[in-house]
N, C-alpha and C. Protein backbone atom coordinates (compact mmCIF):
# COMPACT_ATOMS: atom_id res chain seq x y z
N UNK A 1 -14.10 4.08 -6.80
CA UNK A 1 -12.66 4.23 -6.52
C UNK A 1 -12.94 4.67 -5.02
N UNK A 2 -12.83 4.03 -3.99
CA UNK A 2 -12.30 5.11 -2.59
C UNK A 2 -10.56 5.08 -2.39
N UNK A 3 -10.26 5.75 -1.99
CA UNK A 3 -8.83 6.37 -1.41
C UNK A 3 -8.35 5.87 -0.76
N UNK A 4 -7.61 5.34 0.17
CA UNK A 4 -7.71 3.76 0.95
C UNK A 4 -6.34 3.73 1.73
N UNK A 5 -6.28 3.97 2.73
CA UNK A 5 -4.60 3.67 3.07
C UNK A 5 -4.71 2.28 4.06
N UNK A 6 -3.19 1.92 4.24
CA UNK A 6 -2.97 0.40 4.95
C UNK A 6 -3.38 1.02 6.52
N UNK A 7 -3.66 -0.05 6.95
CA UNK A 7 -3.30 0.00 8.77
C UNK A 7 -2.25 0.28 9.24
N UNK A 8 -1.15 0.24 8.46
CA UNK A 8 0.27 -0.21 9.58
C UNK A 8 -0.02 -1.17 10.65
N UNK A 9 -0.60 -2.42 10.26
CA UNK A 9 -0.24 -3.68 11.75
C UNK A 9 1.05 -2.66 12.14
N UNK A 10 0.81 -3.72 14.19
CA UNK A 10 1.69 -3.29 14.55
C UNK A 10 2.86 -4.31 14.66
N UNK A 11 4.57 -3.73 14.09
CA UNK A 11 5.86 -3.96 13.40
C UNK A 11 5.83 -5.29 14.83
N UNK A 12 6.33 -6.05 14.55
CA UNK A 12 6.33 -7.39 15.54
C UNK A 12 5.85 -8.20 14.96
N UNK A 13 4.74 -8.54 14.70
CA UNK A 13 3.22 -9.31 14.61
C UNK A 13 3.83 -10.03 13.68
N UNK A 14 3.11 -11.26 14.44
CA UNK A 14 3.84 -12.80 13.92
C UNK A 14 3.08 -13.27 12.59
N UNK A 15 3.59 -13.25 10.97
CA UNK A 15 2.95 -13.58 9.79
C UNK A 15 1.59 -14.62 10.37
N UNK A 16 0.31 -13.71 10.20
CA UNK A 16 -1.20 -14.53 10.14
C UNK A 16 -1.03 -16.16 9.61
N UNK A 17 -1.34 -17.03 9.76
CA UNK A 17 -1.70 -18.10 8.76
C UNK A 17 -2.18 -18.22 7.91
N UNK A 18 -2.61 -18.87 7.02
CA UNK A 18 -2.98 -18.71 5.78
C UNK A 18 -2.93 -20.18 4.47
N UNK A 19 -4.10 -20.93 4.26
CA UNK A 19 -3.73 -21.73 3.04
C UNK A 19 -4.97 -21.50 2.43
N UNK A 20 -4.70 -20.63 0.75
CA UNK A 20 -5.36 -20.16 0.00
C UNK A 20 -5.17 -21.16 -1.46
N UNK A 21 -5.79 -20.96 -2.30
CA UNK A 21 -5.29 -21.85 -3.99
C UNK A 21 -4.79 -20.44 -4.93
N UNK A 22 -4.19 -20.98 -5.63
CA UNK A 22 -3.20 -20.08 -6.34
C UNK A 22 -4.50 -20.58 -7.61
N UNK A 23 -3.32 -19.69 -8.69
CA UNK A 23 -4.07 -19.76 -9.88
C UNK A 23 -4.00 -20.59 -10.68
N UNK A 24 -3.30 -21.32 -10.56
CA UNK A 24 -3.90 -23.17 -11.39
C UNK A 24 -4.05 -24.11 -9.53
N UNK A 25 -5.04 -23.73 -8.66
CA UNK A 25 -5.59 -24.98 -8.23
C UNK A 25 -5.02 -25.19 -6.85
N UNK A 26 -3.58 -25.40 -7.08
CA UNK A 26 -2.53 -25.56 -6.02
C UNK A 26 -2.57 -25.11 -4.66
N UNK A 27 -3.15 -25.35 -3.29
CA UNK A 27 -2.92 -24.75 -2.28
C UNK A 27 -1.45 -24.30 -1.71
N UNK A 28 -1.73 -23.16 -1.20
CA UNK A 28 0.04 -22.46 -0.70
C UNK A 28 -0.51 -22.16 0.49
N UNK A 29 0.15 -22.39 1.67
CA UNK A 29 -0.25 -22.06 3.14
C UNK A 29 1.45 -20.99 3.95
N UNK A 30 1.57 -20.44 4.70
CA UNK A 30 1.81 -20.28 5.33
C UNK A 30 3.37 -20.92 5.58
N UNK A 31 3.30 -22.07 6.11
CA UNK A 31 4.00 -23.52 6.01
C UNK A 31 5.11 -23.51 4.72
N UNK A 32 4.91 -23.11 3.97
CA UNK A 32 5.74 -23.20 2.78
C UNK A 32 6.59 -22.16 2.61
N UNK A 33 6.59 -21.69 3.51
CA UNK A 33 7.95 -20.57 3.14
C UNK A 33 8.53 -20.32 5.20
N UNK A 34 8.21 -21.37 5.54
CA UNK A 34 9.06 -21.34 7.12
C UNK A 34 10.99 -21.83 7.13
N UNK A 35 11.24 -21.63 6.12
CA UNK A 35 12.40 -21.51 4.81
C UNK A 35 13.34 -20.69 4.73
N UNK A 36 12.12 -19.68 4.58
CA UNK A 36 12.40 -18.14 3.76
C UNK A 36 13.19 -17.58 4.24
N UNK A 37 14.31 -16.54 3.55
CA UNK A 37 15.12 -15.82 4.16
C UNK A 37 14.07 -14.59 4.76
N UNK A 38 13.22 -14.05 3.86
CA UNK A 38 12.56 -13.46 3.85
C UNK A 38 10.98 -13.99 3.16
N UNK A 39 9.79 -12.97 3.69
CA UNK A 39 8.87 -13.14 3.17
C UNK A 39 8.05 -12.00 2.72
N UNK A 40 7.41 -11.57 1.50
CA UNK A 40 6.90 -10.44 1.25
C UNK A 40 5.35 -10.42 0.86
N UNK A 41 4.38 -10.59 1.66
CA UNK A 41 2.88 -10.87 1.36
C UNK A 41 2.62 -9.50 0.39
N UNK A 42 1.95 -9.51 -0.68
CA UNK A 42 1.22 -8.48 -1.29
C UNK A 42 -0.45 -8.60 -1.48
N UNK A 43 -1.06 -7.37 -0.40
CA UNK A 43 -2.56 -7.41 -1.24
C UNK A 43 -2.57 -6.75 -2.61
N UNK A 44 -3.07 -7.38 -3.46
CA UNK A 44 -3.27 -6.89 -4.42
C UNK A 44 -4.84 -7.52 -5.23
N UNK A 45 -5.05 -6.84 -6.67
CA UNK A 45 -5.92 -7.32 -7.34
C UNK A 45 -5.78 -6.78 -8.55
N UNK A 46 -6.54 -7.03 -9.45
CA UNK A 46 -6.09 -7.00 -10.74
C UNK A 46 -6.98 -5.48 -11.71
N UNK A 47 -7.98 -5.35 -11.33
CA UNK A 47 -8.52 -4.35 -11.59
C UNK A 47 -7.89 -2.90 -10.82
N UNK A 48 -7.36 -2.65 -9.94
CA UNK A 48 -7.12 -1.60 -9.72
C UNK A 48 -6.22 -0.19 -10.33
N UNK A 49 -6.43 0.75 -10.18
CA UNK A 49 -5.65 1.54 -11.21
C UNK A 49 -3.99 2.00 -10.38
N UNK A 50 -4.13 1.99 -8.98
CA UNK A 50 -2.97 1.92 -7.79
C UNK A 50 -2.06 0.74 -8.57
N UNK A 51 -2.46 -0.40 -8.59
CA UNK A 51 -1.68 -1.75 -8.31
C UNK A 51 -1.13 -1.58 -10.04
N UNK A 52 -2.13 -1.09 -10.76
CA UNK A 52 -1.95 -1.45 -12.77
C UNK A 52 -0.67 -0.84 -12.65
N UNK A 53 -0.52 1.18 -11.81
CA UNK A 53 0.27 1.34 -12.14
C UNK A 53 1.82 1.40 -11.63
N UNK A 54 1.89 0.19 -10.59
CA UNK A 54 3.40 -0.27 -9.95
C UNK A 54 3.67 -1.45 -10.90
N UNK A 55 2.87 -2.56 -11.37
CA UNK A 55 2.33 -3.57 -12.27
C UNK A 55 3.90 -4.33 -12.59
N UNK A 56 4.23 -3.31 -14.15
CA UNK A 56 6.08 -3.53 -14.55
C UNK A 56 7.15 -3.67 -13.57
N UNK A 57 7.05 -3.01 -12.16
CA UNK A 57 8.19 -2.60 -11.44
C UNK A 57 7.96 -3.55 -10.17
N UNK A 58 6.89 -4.29 -10.23
CA UNK A 58 6.62 -5.17 -9.08
C UNK A 58 6.68 -6.83 -9.91
N UNK A 59 6.62 -7.06 -11.26
CA UNK A 59 6.93 -8.07 -11.09
C UNK A 59 8.22 -8.27 -11.80
N UNK A 60 9.04 -7.31 -12.11
CA UNK A 60 10.75 -7.43 -12.13
C UNK A 60 11.35 -7.18 -10.49
N UNK A 61 11.06 -6.86 -9.80
CA UNK A 61 11.48 -6.30 -8.54
C UNK A 61 11.43 -8.00 -7.50
N UNK A 62 9.82 -8.09 -7.76
CA UNK A 62 10.03 -9.56 -7.25
C UNK A 62 10.73 -10.56 -7.72
N UNK A 63 10.60 -10.53 -8.89
CA UNK A 63 11.79 -11.58 -9.56
C UNK A 63 13.12 -11.41 -8.54
N UNK A 64 13.72 -10.04 -9.30
CA UNK A 64 15.10 -10.13 -8.39
C UNK A 64 15.17 -10.56 -6.86
N UNK A 65 14.59 -10.31 -6.09
CA UNK A 65 14.60 -10.65 -4.64
C UNK A 65 14.10 -12.20 -4.54
N UNK A 66 13.50 -12.47 -5.34
CA UNK A 66 13.24 -13.97 -4.89
C UNK A 66 14.37 -14.90 -5.75
N UNK A 67 15.13 -14.17 -6.00
CA UNK A 67 16.67 -14.81 -6.96
C UNK A 67 17.66 -14.69 -5.57
N UNK A 68 17.38 -13.53 -4.18
CA UNK A 68 18.92 -13.27 -3.62
C UNK A 68 17.40 -14.52 -2.16
N UNK A 69 16.82 -15.39 -2.10
CA UNK A 69 16.07 -15.98 -1.14
C UNK A 69 14.86 -15.43 -0.53
N UNK A 70 13.93 -14.25 -0.88
CA UNK A 70 13.26 -14.14 -0.59
C UNK A 70 11.42 -14.33 -1.40
N UNK A 71 10.63 -15.06 -0.13
CA UNK A 71 9.63 -15.54 -0.59
C UNK A 71 8.36 -14.81 -0.91
N UNK A 72 7.47 -14.69 -1.82
CA UNK A 72 6.57 -13.29 -2.81
C UNK A 72 5.86 -13.87 -2.52
N UNK A 73 4.49 -13.42 -2.49
CA UNK A 73 2.82 -14.39 -2.63
C UNK A 73 2.39 -12.79 -2.77
N UNK A 74 1.18 -13.11 -3.46
CA UNK A 74 0.47 -12.00 -3.77
C UNK A 74 -1.05 -12.48 -3.25
N UNK A 75 -2.19 -11.83 -2.67
CA UNK A 75 -3.19 -12.36 -2.28
C UNK A 75 -4.37 -11.06 -2.57
N UNK A 76 -5.32 -11.89 -3.63
CA UNK A 76 -6.69 -10.99 -3.63
C UNK A 76 -7.74 -11.16 -3.47
N UNK A 77 -7.86 -10.12 -2.30
CA UNK A 77 -8.82 -11.05 -1.47
C UNK A 77 -10.89 -10.24 -1.47
N UNK A 78 -10.60 -9.31 -2.85
CA UNK A 78 -11.29 -8.74 -3.35
C UNK A 78 -12.82 -9.59 -4.10
N UNK A 79 -14.19 -9.47 -3.60
CA UNK A 79 -15.33 -9.61 -4.41
C UNK A 79 -15.55 -10.04 -5.35
N UNK A 80 -14.89 -11.18 -5.34
CA UNK A 80 -14.82 -11.10 -7.07
C UNK A 80 -16.38 -11.29 -7.59
N UNK A 81 -17.98 -11.77 -7.07
CA UNK A 81 -18.84 -11.30 -7.52
C UNK A 81 -19.13 -10.22 -8.32
N UNK A 82 -18.66 -9.27 -6.88
CA UNK A 82 -19.41 -7.97 -7.66
C UNK A 82 -17.82 -7.13 -8.62
N UNK A 83 -16.75 -8.43 -8.52
CA UNK A 83 -15.62 -7.62 -9.30
C UNK A 83 -15.23 -8.53 -9.96
N UNK A 84 -15.81 -8.87 -11.45
CA UNK A 84 -15.33 -9.93 -12.13
C UNK A 84 -14.44 -10.07 -13.20
N UNK A 85 -13.98 -8.77 -13.01
CA UNK A 85 -11.96 -8.58 -13.10
C UNK A 85 -11.04 -9.44 -12.13
N UNK A 86 -11.65 -9.36 -10.61
CA UNK A 86 -11.07 -9.98 -10.26
C UNK A 86 -11.31 -11.26 -9.68
N UNK A 87 -11.98 -12.21 -10.76
CA UNK A 87 -11.71 -13.47 -10.55
C UNK A 87 -10.92 -14.67 -10.81
N UNK A 88 -10.58 -15.65 -10.24
CA UNK A 88 -9.77 -16.28 -9.76
C UNK A 88 -9.38 -16.69 -11.84
N UNK A 89 -9.92 -16.85 -12.95
CA UNK A 89 -9.91 -16.67 -13.79
C UNK A 89 -9.20 -15.51 -14.36
N UNK A 90 -9.58 -14.41 -14.04
CA UNK A 90 -9.02 -13.49 -15.00
C UNK A 90 -7.62 -12.96 -13.76
N UNK A 91 -7.55 -13.62 -12.68
CA UNK A 91 -6.28 -14.07 -11.74
C UNK A 91 -5.31 -14.25 -12.78
N UNK A 92 -5.15 -15.57 -13.67
CA UNK A 92 -4.99 -16.49 -14.16
C UNK A 92 -4.17 -15.88 -15.32
N UNK A 93 -5.06 -15.16 -16.38
CA UNK A 93 -4.34 -14.45 -17.23
C UNK A 93 -3.55 -12.70 -17.03
N UNK A 94 -3.50 -12.48 -15.61
CA UNK A 94 -3.10 -11.53 -15.16
C UNK A 94 -1.51 -12.18 -14.75
N UNK A 95 -1.64 -13.01 -13.97
CA UNK A 95 -0.40 -13.53 -13.56
C UNK A 95 0.61 -13.75 -15.14
N UNK A 96 0.33 -14.31 -16.09
CA UNK A 96 0.99 -13.95 -17.65
C UNK A 96 0.77 -12.61 -18.21
N UNK A 97 0.13 -12.01 -18.37
CA UNK A 97 -0.12 -10.48 -18.59
C UNK A 97 0.90 -9.54 -18.12
N UNK A 98 1.12 -9.84 -16.47
CA UNK A 98 2.04 -8.88 -16.36
C UNK A 98 3.79 -9.36 -15.93
N UNK A 99 3.02 -10.84 -15.78
CA UNK A 99 5.00 -12.05 -15.78
C UNK A 99 5.02 -11.98 -14.49
N UNK A 100 4.14 -12.04 -13.85
CA UNK A 100 4.25 -12.18 -12.22
C UNK A 100 4.80 -13.91 -12.25
N UNK A 101 5.91 -14.06 -11.41
CA UNK A 101 6.26 -15.51 -10.74
C UNK A 101 6.26 -16.09 -9.62
N UNK A 102 5.59 -15.10 -8.60
CA UNK A 102 5.12 -15.66 -7.74
C UNK A 102 3.82 -16.15 -7.42
N UNK A 103 3.27 -17.23 -6.44
CA UNK A 103 1.97 -17.41 -6.36
C UNK A 103 0.88 -16.45 -6.11
N UNK A 104 -0.55 -16.11 -7.00
CA UNK A 104 -1.19 -15.16 -6.77
C UNK A 104 -2.41 -15.67 -6.36
N UNK A 105 -2.92 -15.60 -4.57
CA UNK A 105 -3.78 -16.58 -4.26
C UNK A 105 -4.74 -15.86 -4.21
N UNK A 106 -6.44 -15.93 -4.14
CA UNK A 106 -7.37 -15.90 -4.42
C UNK A 106 -8.18 -16.03 -2.57
N UNK A 107 -8.02 -15.48 -1.73
CA UNK A 107 -9.05 -15.55 -0.53
C UNK A 107 -10.31 -14.96 -0.89
N UNK A 108 -10.95 -16.04 -1.10
CA UNK A 108 -12.77 -16.23 -1.58
C UNK A 108 -13.41 -15.63 -0.25
N UNK A 109 -12.79 -16.16 0.69
CA UNK A 109 -13.96 -15.25 1.91
C UNK A 109 -13.45 -14.29 3.02
N UNK A 110 -12.40 -13.77 2.50
CA UNK A 110 -11.51 -12.29 3.35
C UNK A 110 -10.96 -12.32 4.52
N UNK A 111 -11.45 -13.68 4.71
CA UNK A 111 -10.62 -13.66 6.18
C UNK A 111 -9.10 -13.73 5.73
N UNK A 112 -8.34 -14.06 5.47
CA UNK A 112 -6.90 -13.46 5.30
C UNK A 112 -6.48 -12.08 4.75
N UNK A 113 -7.07 -11.67 4.92
CA UNK A 113 -7.25 -9.90 3.98
C UNK A 113 -7.18 -9.46 5.79
N UNK A 114 -8.08 -10.03 6.79
CA UNK A 114 -8.84 -9.42 7.79
C UNK A 114 -8.00 -9.69 9.46
N UNK A 115 -7.45 -10.64 8.49
CA UNK A 115 -6.19 -10.85 9.75
C UNK A 115 -4.64 -10.25 9.94
N UNK A 116 -4.52 -9.51 8.50
CA UNK A 116 -3.45 -8.90 8.48
C UNK A 116 -4.07 -7.75 8.24
N UNK A 117 -5.05 -7.42 8.48
CA UNK A 117 -6.09 -6.15 8.55
C UNK A 117 -5.43 -5.46 7.37
N UNK A 118 -5.64 -6.05 6.15
CA UNK A 118 -5.14 -5.72 4.89
C UNK A 118 -6.04 -4.66 4.49
N UNK A 119 -5.98 -3.24 3.78
CA UNK A 119 -6.94 -2.22 4.01
C UNK A 119 -7.23 -2.13 2.87
N UNK A 120 -6.31 -2.09 1.27
CA UNK A 120 -6.47 -1.21 0.62
C UNK A 120 -5.48 -2.51 -0.93
N UNK A 121 -5.06 -1.87 -1.99
CA UNK A 121 -4.32 -2.74 -3.01
C UNK A 121 -4.22 -1.56 -4.03
N UNK A 122 -2.75 -1.61 -3.92
CA UNK A 122 -1.19 -2.30 -3.40
C UNK A 122 -1.00 -2.13 -2.00
N UNK A 123 -1.02 -3.24 -0.40
CA UNK A 123 -0.51 -3.01 0.15
C UNK A 123 1.17 -4.29 0.61
N UNK A 124 1.71 -3.94 1.26
CA UNK A 124 3.19 -4.51 1.14
C UNK A 124 3.43 -4.91 2.53
N UNK A 125 3.39 -6.00 2.79
CA UNK A 125 4.07 -6.77 4.15
C UNK A 125 5.61 -6.96 4.03
N UNK A 126 6.13 -7.00 4.34
CA UNK A 126 7.71 -7.79 4.47
C UNK A 126 7.25 -8.12 6.35
N UNK A 127 8.44 -9.49 5.99
CA UNK A 127 8.27 -10.78 7.40
C UNK A 127 9.78 -11.09 7.42
N UNK A 128 10.55 -10.98 8.79
CA UNK A 128 11.79 -11.50 8.30
C UNK A 128 12.03 -13.08 8.25
N UNK A 129 12.65 -13.81 8.62
CA UNK A 129 13.20 -15.27 8.88
C UNK A 129 12.56 -15.94 9.68
N UNK A 130 11.75 -15.49 10.24
CA UNK A 130 11.37 -15.73 11.99
C UNK A 130 9.60 -15.27 11.77
N UNK A 131 9.30 -14.91 10.58
CA UNK A 131 8.02 -14.56 10.13
C UNK A 131 7.11 -13.44 10.93
N UNK A 132 7.74 -13.48 11.24
CA UNK A 132 7.89 -11.15 12.62
C UNK A 132 7.82 -10.55 11.01
N UNK A 133 6.59 -8.93 11.45
CA UNK A 133 6.62 -8.21 10.53
C UNK A 133 7.93 -7.49 11.20
N UNK A 134 8.85 -6.60 9.66
CA UNK A 134 9.56 -5.90 9.60
C UNK A 134 9.14 -4.60 8.97
N UNK A 135 8.16 -4.82 8.17
CA UNK A 135 7.91 -3.61 6.87
C UNK A 135 6.00 -3.43 7.16
N UNK A 136 5.58 -2.53 6.64
CA UNK A 136 4.43 -2.79 6.21
C UNK A 136 4.17 -1.42 5.75
N UNK A 137 3.64 -1.47 4.30
CA UNK A 137 3.60 0.09 3.74
C UNK A 137 3.19 0.01 1.78
N UNK A 138 4.18 1.49 1.53
CA UNK A 138 4.16 1.22 0.33
C UNK A 138 5.02 1.10 -0.22
N UNK A 139 4.81 0.84 -1.73
CA UNK A 139 5.97 0.15 -2.73
C UNK A 139 7.04 1.73 -2.60
N UNK A 140 6.35 2.51 -2.76
CA UNK A 140 7.48 4.19 -3.38
C UNK A 140 6.23 5.17 -3.44
N UNK A 141 6.60 6.19 -2.93
CA UNK A 141 5.31 7.37 -3.27
C UNK A 141 5.32 7.78 -4.44
N UNK A 142 5.19 7.07 -5.77
CA UNK A 142 4.94 6.77 -6.96
C UNK A 142 2.97 6.53 -7.26
N UNK A 143 2.24 7.46 -7.96
CA UNK A 143 0.87 7.13 -7.55
C UNK A 143 0.75 7.37 -9.02
N UNK A 144 -0.43 6.54 -9.49
CA UNK A 144 -0.83 6.84 -11.08
C UNK A 144 -1.38 8.69 -10.93
N UNK A 145 -0.17 9.64 -11.53
CA UNK A 145 -0.77 10.98 -11.89
C UNK A 145 0.11 11.57 -11.33
N UNK A 146 1.04 11.33 -10.27
CA UNK A 146 1.56 12.42 -9.47
C UNK A 146 3.33 12.79 -10.02
N UNK A 147 3.45 11.93 -11.58
CA UNK A 147 4.40 11.99 -12.02
C UNK A 147 6.58 11.70 -11.37
N UNK A 148 5.99 11.33 -10.03
CA UNK A 148 7.04 10.42 -9.52
C UNK A 148 7.44 9.02 -10.23
N UNK A 149 8.52 8.47 -10.23
CA UNK A 149 9.04 7.12 -10.74
C UNK A 149 8.93 6.45 -9.90
N UNK A 150 8.32 5.12 -10.47
CA UNK A 150 7.94 3.51 -9.75
C UNK A 150 9.35 2.80 -9.91
N UNK A 151 9.81 3.00 -8.47
CA UNK A 151 11.17 2.32 -8.44
C UNK A 151 11.08 1.40 -7.46
N UNK A 152 10.63 1.69 -6.47
CA UNK A 152 9.95 0.56 -5.02
C UNK A 152 11.22 0.90 -4.37
N UNK A 153 11.74 1.90 -3.83
CA UNK A 153 12.60 1.83 -3.30
C UNK A 153 11.82 1.97 -1.35
N UNK A 154 10.82 2.18 -1.02
CA UNK A 154 10.87 1.75 0.21
C UNK A 154 10.65 0.41 0.16
N UNK A 155 10.21 -0.69 -0.90
CA UNK A 155 10.02 -1.50 -0.64
C UNK A 155 11.34 -2.10 -0.41
N UNK A 156 11.81 -2.09 -1.42
CA UNK A 156 13.55 -2.28 -1.76
C UNK A 156 14.46 -2.31 -0.35
N UNK A 157 14.06 -1.13 0.23
CA UNK A 157 14.84 -0.91 1.55
C UNK A 157 14.24 -1.52 2.41
N UNK A 158 13.15 -2.03 2.58
CA UNK A 158 12.69 -3.00 3.72
C UNK A 158 13.06 -4.83 3.32
N UNK A 159 13.06 -5.29 1.86
CA UNK A 159 14.14 -6.42 1.41
C UNK A 159 15.04 -6.97 2.00
N UNK A 160 15.95 -5.30 1.25
CA UNK A 160 17.37 -5.33 2.08
C UNK A 160 17.35 -5.59 3.35
N UNK A 161 17.18 -4.92 4.12
CA UNK A 161 16.94 -5.19 5.99
C UNK A 161 16.65 -6.19 6.18
N UNK A 162 15.48 -7.28 5.71
CA UNK A 162 15.28 -8.71 6.01
C UNK A 162 16.38 -9.38 5.72
N UNK A 163 17.20 -9.51 4.25
CA UNK A 163 18.25 -10.28 4.18
C UNK A 163 19.18 -9.82 5.05
N UNK A 164 19.10 -8.72 5.15
CA UNK A 164 20.21 -8.73 6.39
C UNK A 164 19.99 -8.83 7.62
N UNK A 165 19.12 -9.61 7.67
CA UNK A 165 18.82 -9.47 9.22
C UNK A 165 18.84 -7.70 10.29
N UNK A 166 18.52 -7.17 9.75
CA UNK A 166 18.32 -5.84 10.40
C UNK A 166 16.86 -5.41 10.08
N UNK A 167 16.93 -4.35 11.10
CA UNK A 167 15.48 -3.58 10.77
C UNK A 167 15.69 -2.89 10.14
N UNK A 168 14.22 -1.94 9.54
CA UNK A 168 14.31 -1.12 8.03
C UNK A 168 14.58 -0.31 9.02
N UNK A 169 15.46 0.98 7.80
CA UNK A 169 15.95 2.14 8.81
C UNK A 169 14.48 3.22 7.96
N UNK A 170 14.64 4.22 8.77
CA UNK A 170 13.35 4.98 8.29
C UNK A 170 12.51 4.72 8.56
N UNK A 171 11.60 6.22 8.03
CA UNK A 171 9.64 5.97 8.30
C UNK A 171 9.47 5.07 7.03
N UNK A 172 8.21 4.61 7.79
CA UNK A 172 7.52 3.47 7.08
C UNK A 172 6.13 4.61 6.49
N UNK A 173 6.10 4.68 5.49
CA UNK A 173 4.70 5.38 5.03
C UNK A 173 3.49 4.10 4.68
N UNK A 174 2.25 4.43 4.79
CA UNK A 174 1.55 3.83 4.62
C UNK A 174 1.41 3.41 3.29
N UNK A 175 0.78 2.34 2.73
CA UNK A 175 0.26 1.97 0.99
C UNK A 175 -1.05 2.97 0.43
N UNK A 176 -0.45 2.98 -0.14
CA UNK A 176 -2.17 4.29 -0.62
C UNK A 176 -2.41 3.19 -1.88
N UNK A 177 -4.25 3.39 -1.94
CA UNK A 177 -4.41 2.30 -3.32
C UNK A 177 -6.12 2.47 -3.64
N UNK A 178 -6.82 1.38 -4.12
CA UNK A 178 -8.00 1.23 -3.71
C UNK A 178 -8.57 0.33 -2.56
N UNK A 179 -9.92 0.25 -2.31
CA UNK A 179 -9.71 -0.12 -0.49
C UNK A 179 -9.86 -1.84 -1.02
N UNK A 180 -9.90 -2.51 -0.17
CA UNK A 180 -10.06 -3.77 -0.29
C UNK A 180 -11.86 -3.78 -0.80
N UNK A 181 -12.48 -5.02 -1.64
CA UNK A 181 -14.00 -4.71 -2.00
C UNK A 181 -14.51 -5.96 -1.71
N UNK A 182 -15.30 -5.37 0.01
CA UNK A 182 -15.43 -6.47 0.62
C UNK A 182 -16.67 -6.22 0.56
N UNK A 183 -17.00 -8.16 1.38
CA UNK A 183 -18.65 -9.00 0.12
C UNK A 183 -19.74 -7.43 1.55
N UNK A 184 -20.40 -7.95 0.92
CA UNK A 184 -21.79 -6.74 1.94
C UNK A 184 -22.04 -7.84 3.13
N UNK A 185 -21.59 -6.95 4.10
CA UNK A 185 -22.34 -7.48 5.59
C UNK A 185 -20.80 -7.75 6.37
N UNK A 186 -19.56 -7.94 4.96
CA UNK A 186 -18.18 -8.77 5.50
C UNK A 186 -17.13 -7.94 5.77
N UNK A 187 -17.68 -6.87 5.97
CA UNK A 187 -16.70 -5.37 5.82
C UNK A 187 -15.97 -6.15 8.06
N UNK A 188 -14.61 -5.51 7.53
CA UNK A 188 -13.82 -5.67 9.12
C UNK A 188 -14.32 -3.90 9.90
N UNK A 189 -13.79 -4.05 11.44
CA UNK A 189 -14.05 -2.59 12.10
C UNK A 189 -13.19 -1.89 11.43
N UNK A 190 -12.35 -1.87 11.06
CA UNK A 190 -11.45 -1.04 10.91
C UNK A 190 -11.30 -0.49 9.08
N UNK A 191 -12.75 -0.70 8.53
CA UNK A 191 -12.72 -0.65 7.38
C UNK A 191 -13.86 1.10 8.09
N UNK A 192 -13.80 1.86 6.97
CA UNK A 192 -14.86 3.10 6.95
C UNK A 192 -14.85 3.83 6.04
């Protein structure tokens, strides 16, 4: 496990398009969310201790905000050949175990992760109703072992701002977690 920070994609970036399969084999694309009040894109995986640390609150938080009109997707871009815990079959098991109500998509080519400049899991991106980036970074300051409760305070602030049509107040801090497990030779130039 390599502790990695998110790249902090520039605010105002238009959501990069994607078309990926979810755990039931259904294709989900960015166009499916063009009428959403806001869109939360989460780069995540099954085996990362940082994702596991927030999974219970993430499930509750996303259900709460989906009820308010936020569309949510999770994307797993890890190399499933080397990390079998992150295979699509295991992703389907994780959806049930964690109680995720959002589509969990597999980015087999890792091209979507590169388009978003995703670097770690978990990593959060909030887009407004025009699919422009207004937040990127951490869910909150809690990490495994630091004794800070998992509340989702940073992500909640961003989602509330998106729903209110406002900018996100306060400093945006990078997400921290395991690096995305790139396929050999597929590492992006921003991966160190």
